Amino acid sequence: MQVGDLVELSAAGQKIWHLGAARGKTGIVVEVCKAGMYPIIVFWFKAGQISHRRPTLKLVSKSQKKSNIS
């Protein structure tokens, strides 16, 4: 996953009680750290920002990064 990807909770993520605010919503990855227990930070539309582990998320759409080729 990379910054800008759209995500939803995976089946494993939907089973986690404290992620209830993000259940049924779409979020955007705003930061990916290399270290830490919850390295992926997602901004959930209408739910706020939550840190996650990779297995709790599933990809909806990859970000479309544009190159700077002139």
C-alpha atoms as a PDB file:
ATOM      1  CA  MET A   1       0.000   0.000   0.000  1.00  0.00           C
ATOM      2  CA  GLN A   2       1.084   3.519  -0.676  1.00  0.00           C
ATOM      3  CA  VAL A   3      -0.079   7.025   0.131  1.00  0.00           C
ATOM      4  CA  GLY A   4      -3.196   7.934  -1.852  1.00  0.00           C
ATOM      5  CA  ASP A   5      -4.668   4.414  -2.110  1.00  0.00           C
ATOM      6  CA  LEU A   6      -8.365   4.020  -1.312  1.00  0.00           C
ATOM      7  CA  VAL A   7      -9.049   1.257   1.225  1.00  0.00           C
ATOM      8  CA  GLU A   8     -11.824  -0.510   3.138  1.00  0.00           C
ATOM      9  CA  LEU A   9     -11.691  -2.795   6.140  1.00  0.00           C
ATOM     10  CA  SER A  10     -10.897  -6.396   5.261  1.00  0.00           C
ATOM     11  CA  ALA A  11     -12.882  -9.284   6.735  1.00  0.00           C
ATOM     12  CA  ALA A  12     -10.296  -9.472   9.533  1.00  0.00           C
ATOM     13  CA  GLY A  13     -10.592  -5.721  10.165  1.00  0.00           C
ATOM     14  CA  GLN A  14     -14.383  -5.865  10.407  1.00  0.00           C
ATOM     15  CA  LYS A  15     -14.110  -8.379  13.260  1.00  0.00           C
ATOM     16  CA  ILE A  16     -12.080  -5.958  15.405  1.00  0.00           C
ATOM     17  CA  TRP A  17     -14.369  -4.170  17.835  1.00  0.00           C
ATOM     18  CA  HIS A  18     -12.494  -0.841  18.120  1.00  0.00           C
ATOM     19  CA  LEU A  19     -12.558  -0.347  14.312  1.00  0.00           C
ATOM     20  CA  GLY A  20     -16.358  -0.056  14.339  1.00  0.00           C
ATOM     21  CA  ALA A  21     -16.254   3.629  13.291  1.00  0.00           C
ATOM     22  CA  ALA A  22     -14.597   2.645   9.996  1.00  0.00           C
ATOM     23  CA  ARG A  23     -16.905  -0.293   9.245  1.00  0.00           C
ATOM     24  CA  GLY A  24     -18.690   0.184   5.906  1.00  0.00           C
ATOM     25  CA  LYS A  25     -16.669   3.290   5.034  1.00  0.00           C
ATOM     26  CA  THR A  26     -13.918   4.102   2.533  1.00  0.00           C
ATOM     27  CA  GLY A  27     -10.646   5.701   3.567  1.00  0.00           C
ATOM     28  CA  ILE A  28      -7.502   7.082   2.001  1.00  0.00           C
ATOM     29  CA  VAL A  29      -3.975   6.119   3.075  1.00  0.00           C
ATOM     30  CA  VAL A  30      -2.243   9.294   4.301  1.00  0.00           C
ATOM     31  CA  GLU A  31       1.013   7.853   5.676  1.00  0.00           C
ATOM     32  CA  VAL A  32       2.956   4.588   5.588  1.00  0.00           C
ATOM     33  CA  CYS A  33       5.777   4.157   8.131  1.00  0.00           C
ATOM     34  CA  LYS A  34       8.452   1.476   7.977  1.00  0.00           C
ATOM     35  CA  ALA A  35       8.406   0.738  11.705  1.00  0.00           C
ATOM     36  CA  GLY A  36       5.839   0.452  14.417  1.00  0.00           C
ATOM     37  CA  MET A  37       3.002  -1.877  15.293  1.00  0.00           C
ATOM     38  CA  TYR A  38       0.391   0.081  13.291  1.00  0.00           C
ATOM     39  CA  PRO A  39       2.365   1.515  10.353  1.00  0.00           C
ATOM     40  CA  ILE A  40      -0.491   2.511   8.029  1.00  0.00           C
ATOM     41  CA  ILE A  41      -2.432   5.685   8.833  1.00  0.00           C
ATOM     42  CA  VAL A  42      -5.802   5.999   7.100  1.00  0.00           C
ATOM     43  CA  PHE A  43      -8.171   8.962   7.008  1.00  0.00           C
ATOM     44  CA  TRP A  44     -11.694   7.506   6.989  1.00  0.00           C
ATOM     45  CA  PHE A  45     -14.352   9.686   5.394  1.00  0.00           C
ATOM     46  CA  LYS A  46     -16.883  10.637   8.122  1.00  0.00           C
ATOM     47  CA  ALA A  47     -14.903   8.706  10.761  1.00  0.00           C
ATOM     48  CA  GLY A  48     -11.491  10.401  11.205  1.00  0.00           C
ATOM     49  CA  GLN A  49      -7.940   9.097  11.228  1.00  0.00           C
ATOM     50  CA  ILE A  50      -6.995   5.608  12.490  1.00  0.00           C
ATOM     51  CA  SER A  51      -3.707   3.657  12.460  1.00  0.00           C
ATOM     52  CA  HIS A  52      -3.810   0.099  11.093  1.00  0.00           C
ATOM     53  CA  ARG A  53      -1.854  -3.068  10.471  1.00  0.00           C
ATOM     54  CA  ARG A  54      -1.845  -4.330   6.873  1.00  0.00           C
ATOM     55  CA  PRO A  55      -4.132  -7.386   7.390  1.00  0.00           C
ATOM     56  CA  THR A  56      -7.000  -5.164   8.563  1.00  0.00           C
ATOM     57  CA  LEU A  57      -7.219  -3.336   5.210  1.00  0.00           C
ATOM     58  CA  LYS A  58      -8.148  -4.207   1.636  1.00  0.00           C
ATOM     59  CA  LEU A  59      -7.389  -2.141  -1.426  1.00  0.00           C
ATOM     60  CA  VAL A  60     -10.290  -0.496  -3.291  1.00  0.00           C
ATOM     61  CA  SER A  61      -8.318   1.595  -5.782  1.00  0.00           C
ATOM     62  CA  LYS A  62      -4.635   2.318  -6.345  1.00  0.00           C
ATOM     63  CA  SER A  63      -3.497   5.937  -6.417  1.00  0.00           C
ATOM     64  CA  GLN A  64      -2.854   7.382  -9.863  1.00  0.00           C
ATOM     65  CA  LYS A  65       0.498   9.110  -9.447  1.00  0.00           C
ATOM     66  CA  LYS A  66       1.451  11.258 -12.436  1.00  0.00           C
ATOM     67  CA  SER A  67       5.021  11.389 -13.612  1.00  0.00           C
ATOM     68  CA  ASN A  68       6.846  14.685 -14.137  1.00  0.00           C
ATOM     69  CA  ILE A  69       8.073  13.838 -17.648  1.00  0.00           C
ATOM     70  CA  SER A  70       7.963  16.846 -19.972  1.00  0.00           C
END
